[in-house]
N, C-alpha and C. Protein backbone atom coordinates (compact mmCIF):
# COMPACT_ATOMS: atom_id res chain seq x y z
N UNK A 1 86.10 113.08 129.59
CA UNK A 1 86.64 112.35 128.81
C UNK A 1 87.82 112.20 128.73
N UNK A 2 88.71 111.19 129.10
CA UNK A 2 90.43 110.70 129.50
C UNK A 2 91.02 111.21 128.09
N UNK A 3 91.82 112.19 128.48
CA UNK A 3 93.02 112.19 126.99
C UNK A 3 94.38 111.57 127.17
N UNK A 4 94.40 110.82 127.91
CA UNK A 4 95.91 110.45 128.42
C UNK A 4 96.09 109.35 127.46
N UNK A 5 95.01 108.57 127.23
CA UNK A 5 95.07 107.61 125.86
C UNK A 5 95.56 107.92 124.61
N UNK A 6 94.98 109.17 124.22
CA UNK A 6 95.07 109.86 122.83
C UNK A 6 96.71 110.34 122.97
N UNK A 7 97.39 110.36 124.17
CA UNK A 7 98.53 111.31 123.73
C UNK A 7 99.52 110.34 123.40
N UNK A 8 100.33 110.66 122.13
CA UNK A 8 101.76 109.69 122.28
C UNK A 8 102.36 109.10 122.85
N UNK A 9 102.55 107.32 123.48
CA UNK A 9 103.02 106.81 124.44
C UNK A 9 104.37 106.54 123.59
N UNK A 10 104.99 106.59 124.89
CA UNK A 10 106.85 106.53 124.71
C UNK A 10 107.33 105.29 125.35
N UNK A 11 107.75 103.90 124.76
CA UNK A 11 107.91 103.24 126.20
C UNK A 11 108.75 103.20 127.35
N UNK A 12 109.74 104.47 127.25
CA UNK A 12 110.49 104.81 127.85
C UNK A 12 110.23 105.34 129.24
N UNK A 13 109.22 106.56 128.37
CA UNK A 13 108.69 107.61 129.08
C UNK A 13 109.55 108.82 129.60
N UNK A 14 110.79 108.78 128.52
CA UNK A 14 111.62 110.16 128.95
C UNK A 14 110.93 110.97 127.38
N UNK A 15 110.94 111.76 127.71
CA UNK A 15 110.94 112.29 126.02
C UNK A 15 111.90 112.89 125.35
N UNK A 16 111.63 113.32 124.15
CA UNK A 16 113.13 112.70 123.64
C UNK A 16 113.59 114.33 123.37
N UNK A 17 113.06 114.52 123.90
CA UNK A 17 113.91 115.84 123.80
C UNK A 17 115.38 115.98 125.38
N UNK A 18 115.21 114.78 126.16
CA UNK A 18 115.86 114.70 127.16
C UNK A 18 116.89 113.17 126.81
N UNK A 19 116.68 113.23 125.75
CA UNK A 19 117.10 111.42 125.22
C UNK A 19 118.76 111.95 124.63
N UNK A 20 119.76 111.42 125.57
CA UNK A 20 121.10 112.03 124.38
C UNK A 20 120.96 110.35 123.23
N UNK A 21 122.10 111.28 121.92
CA UNK A 21 121.99 110.33 121.32
C UNK A 21 123.11 109.71 121.27
N UNK A 22 124.03 110.51 121.99
CA UNK A 22 125.54 109.10 122.15
C UNK A 22 126.04 109.80 123.56
N UNK A 23 126.50 109.15 124.32
CA UNK A 23 126.75 109.96 125.43
C UNK A 23 128.51 109.33 125.27
N UNK A 24 129.57 110.83 126.18
CA UNK A 24 131.07 110.65 126.00
C UNK A 24 131.71 110.40 127.09
N UNK A 25 131.75 108.77 127.57
CA UNK A 25 132.09 108.49 128.73
C UNK A 25 133.39 109.25 129.63
N UNK A 26 134.28 109.91 128.70
CA UNK A 26 135.51 110.39 128.81
C UNK A 26 135.98 111.86 128.70
N UNK A 27 136.29 112.87 129.98
CA UNK A 27 136.40 114.48 129.66
C UNK A 27 137.49 114.18 128.55
N UNK A 28 137.49 115.00 128.06
CA UNK A 28 138.82 115.10 126.84
C UNK A 28 140.10 115.64 127.75
N UNK A 29 141.33 115.45 127.01
CA UNK A 29 142.46 116.01 127.98
C UNK A 29 142.31 117.49 128.14
N UNK A 30 142.11 118.26 126.94
CA UNK A 30 142.01 119.52 126.82
C UNK A 30 141.16 120.03 128.02
N UNK A 31 139.97 119.69 127.88
CA UNK A 31 138.86 120.18 128.84
C UNK A 31 139.38 119.72 130.17
N UNK A 32 139.75 118.77 130.59
CA UNK A 32 140.54 118.38 132.34
C UNK A 32 141.70 119.37 132.53
N UNK A 33 142.84 119.55 131.88
CA UNK A 33 143.48 120.57 131.95
C UNK A 33 142.93 121.67 131.69
N UNK A 34 141.64 122.11 131.33
CA UNK A 34 141.36 123.72 131.58
C UNK A 34 140.98 123.87 133.14
N UNK A 35 140.36 122.66 133.44
CA UNK A 35 139.66 122.67 134.09
C UNK A 35 140.31 122.32 135.54
N UNK A 36 141.84 122.11 135.54
CA UNK A 36 142.88 121.69 136.27
C UNK A 36 142.89 123.33 136.65
N UNK A 37 143.63 124.46 135.76
CA UNK A 37 144.21 124.96 135.99
C UNK A 37 143.36 126.53 136.37
N UNK A 38 141.68 126.11 135.82
CA UNK A 38 140.85 126.98 136.34
C UNK A 38 140.57 126.65 138.06
N UNK A 39 140.84 125.91 138.16
CA UNK A 39 140.74 125.19 139.69
C UNK A 39 141.71 126.35 140.31
N UNK A 40 143.39 125.70 139.90
CA UNK A 40 144.24 126.92 140.15
C UNK A 40 144.36 128.17 140.17
N UNK A 41 143.63 128.56 139.78
CA UNK A 41 143.34 129.85 139.32
C UNK A 41 142.22 130.61 140.04
N UNK A 42 141.33 129.89 140.60
CA UNK A 42 140.40 129.95 141.88
C UNK A 42 140.87 130.15 142.90
N UNK A 43 141.50 128.96 143.28
CA UNK A 43 142.55 128.93 144.71
C UNK A 43 143.65 129.83 144.74
N UNK A 44 144.09 130.14 143.80
CA UNK A 44 145.19 131.29 144.07
C UNK A 44 144.85 132.41 144.21
N UNK A 45 143.66 132.66 143.40
CA UNK A 45 142.99 133.73 143.65
C UNK A 45 142.29 134.35 144.81
N UNK A 46 141.79 133.60 145.57
CA UNK A 46 141.22 133.32 146.92
C UNK A 46 141.91 133.37 148.00
N UNK A 47 143.14 133.65 147.92
CA UNK A 47 144.39 133.34 149.20
C UNK A 47 144.42 134.32 149.57
N UNK A 48 144.64 135.03 150.95
CA UNK A 48 144.59 136.05 151.51
C UNK A 48 146.82 136.13 151.37
N UNK A 49 147.37 137.20 151.28
CA UNK A 49 148.25 137.27 151.40
C UNK A 49 149.08 137.59 152.35
N UNK A 50 150.04 137.02 152.55
CA UNK A 50 150.70 136.51 153.91
C UNK A 50 151.06 137.75 154.55
N UNK A 51 151.46 139.07 154.05
CA UNK A 51 151.66 140.10 154.87
C UNK A 51 149.85 140.86 155.48
N UNK A 52 149.09 141.11 154.52
CA UNK A 52 148.28 141.34 155.01
C UNK A 52 147.48 140.50 156.07
N UNK A 53 148.10 139.48 156.73
CA UNK A 53 146.82 138.75 157.86
C UNK A 53 147.29 139.58 159.30
N UNK A 54 148.98 139.69 159.54
CA UNK A 54 149.19 140.33 161.01
C UNK A 54 150.52 140.98 160.34
N UNK A 55 150.99 141.97 159.58
CA UNK A 55 152.07 142.48 159.49
C UNK A 55 152.67 142.57 160.88
N UNK A 56 152.75 143.11 162.04
CA UNK A 56 153.70 142.68 163.43
C UNK A 56 154.06 141.58 163.65
N UNK A 57 152.79 140.39 163.50
CA UNK A 57 153.91 139.02 163.97
C UNK A 57 154.46 138.58 162.93
N UNK A 58 154.31 138.79 161.58
CA UNK A 58 155.52 138.54 160.61
C UNK A 58 156.79 139.41 160.66
N UNK A 59 156.79 140.15 161.32
CA UNK A 59 157.83 141.14 161.02
C UNK A 59 158.61 140.60 162.82
N UNK A 60 157.69 140.48 163.79
CA UNK A 60 158.92 139.62 165.05
C UNK A 60 159.58 138.73 165.04
N UNK A 61 158.54 138.01 163.76
CA UNK A 61 159.15 136.23 163.28
C UNK A 61 160.38 136.21 162.53
N UNK A 62 160.54 137.34 161.26
CA UNK A 62 161.66 138.08 160.90
C UNK A 62 162.98 138.19 161.84
N UNK A 63 162.61 138.90 162.66
CA UNK A 63 163.13 139.71 163.90
C UNK A 63 164.36 138.62 164.71
N UNK A 64 163.33 137.58 164.92
CA UNK A 64 163.79 136.64 165.68
C UNK A 64 164.76 135.55 165.00
N UNK A 65 164.06 135.11 163.78
CA UNK A 65 164.98 134.59 162.56
C UNK A 65 166.09 135.08 162.58
N UNK A 66 166.19 136.34 162.36
CA UNK A 66 167.52 137.15 161.89
C UNK A 66 168.65 137.16 163.41
N UNK A 67 168.13 137.09 164.46
CA UNK A 67 168.80 137.34 165.72
C UNK A 67 169.19 135.56 165.84
N UNK A 68 168.39 134.71 165.60
CA UNK A 68 168.86 133.59 165.63
C UNK A 68 170.33 133.22 164.16
N UNK A 69 170.13 133.54 163.71
CA UNK A 69 171.18 133.56 162.83
C UNK A 69 172.16 133.92 162.68
N UNK A 70 172.15 135.65 163.78
CA UNK A 70 173.32 136.25 163.96
C UNK A 70 174.01 135.69 165.19
N UNK A 71 172.72 135.10 166.22
CA UNK A 71 173.99 134.10 166.83
C UNK A 71 174.31 132.85 166.79
N UNK A 72 174.19 132.45 165.73
CA UNK A 72 174.68 131.32 165.17
C UNK A 72 176.31 131.41 164.41
N UNK A 73 175.92 132.74 164.11
CA UNK A 73 177.13 133.06 162.93
C UNK A 73 178.45 133.57 164.17
N UNK A 74 177.65 134.13 165.03
CA UNK A 74 178.86 134.87 166.41
C UNK A 74 179.76 133.24 167.04
N UNK A 75 178.95 132.86 167.06
CA UNK A 75 178.87 131.32 167.76
C UNK A 75 180.25 130.65 167.53
N UNK A 76 180.12 130.20 165.69
CA UNK A 76 180.46 129.87 164.84
C UNK A 76 182.09 130.30 164.63
N UNK A 77 182.04 131.49 164.63
CA UNK A 77 182.87 132.89 164.15
C UNK A 77 184.11 132.85 165.55
N UNK A 78 183.38 133.05 167.01
CA UNK A 78 184.16 132.51 167.91
C UNK A 78 184.87 131.27 168.58
N UNK A 79 183.93 130.20 168.06
CA UNK A 79 184.53 129.02 168.06
C UNK A 79 185.79 128.49 166.75
N UNK A 80 185.52 129.40 165.72
CA UNK A 80 186.69 128.83 164.46
C UNK A 80 188.46 130.11 165.16
N UNK A 81 187.76 130.89 165.34
CA UNK A 81 188.87 131.91 165.89
C UNK A 81 189.06 131.63 167.33
N UNK A 82 189.15 130.72 168.33
CA UNK A 82 189.65 130.85 169.38
C UNK A 82 191.28 129.97 169.16
N UNK A 83 191.85 129.95 170.33
CA UNK A 83 193.17 129.80 169.93
C UNK A 83 193.05 128.28 170.17
N UNK A 84 193.70 127.35 169.81
CA UNK A 84 193.71 125.77 170.21
C UNK A 84 194.74 125.42 171.30
N UNK A 85 194.58 124.81 172.20
CA UNK A 85 195.76 124.47 172.80
C UNK A 85 196.50 123.62 172.25
């Protein structure tokens, strides 16, 4: 005997428990702000600190930058203190 004809029939075929009464088409401002903050915190928390990548490389870059700055200051000092004809 077939029981499919005896079961309650729904026109949409979707069970009542899965049907929503109303749908909110927009996410609230508070939820959007919370999602943005959460995403920023996730990105910030998963970053690798700059100095842990390669300390030697960062030290070499800093020494080169300081040498360039000292050389530029020295050049400007000599240019400003040079006697003018």
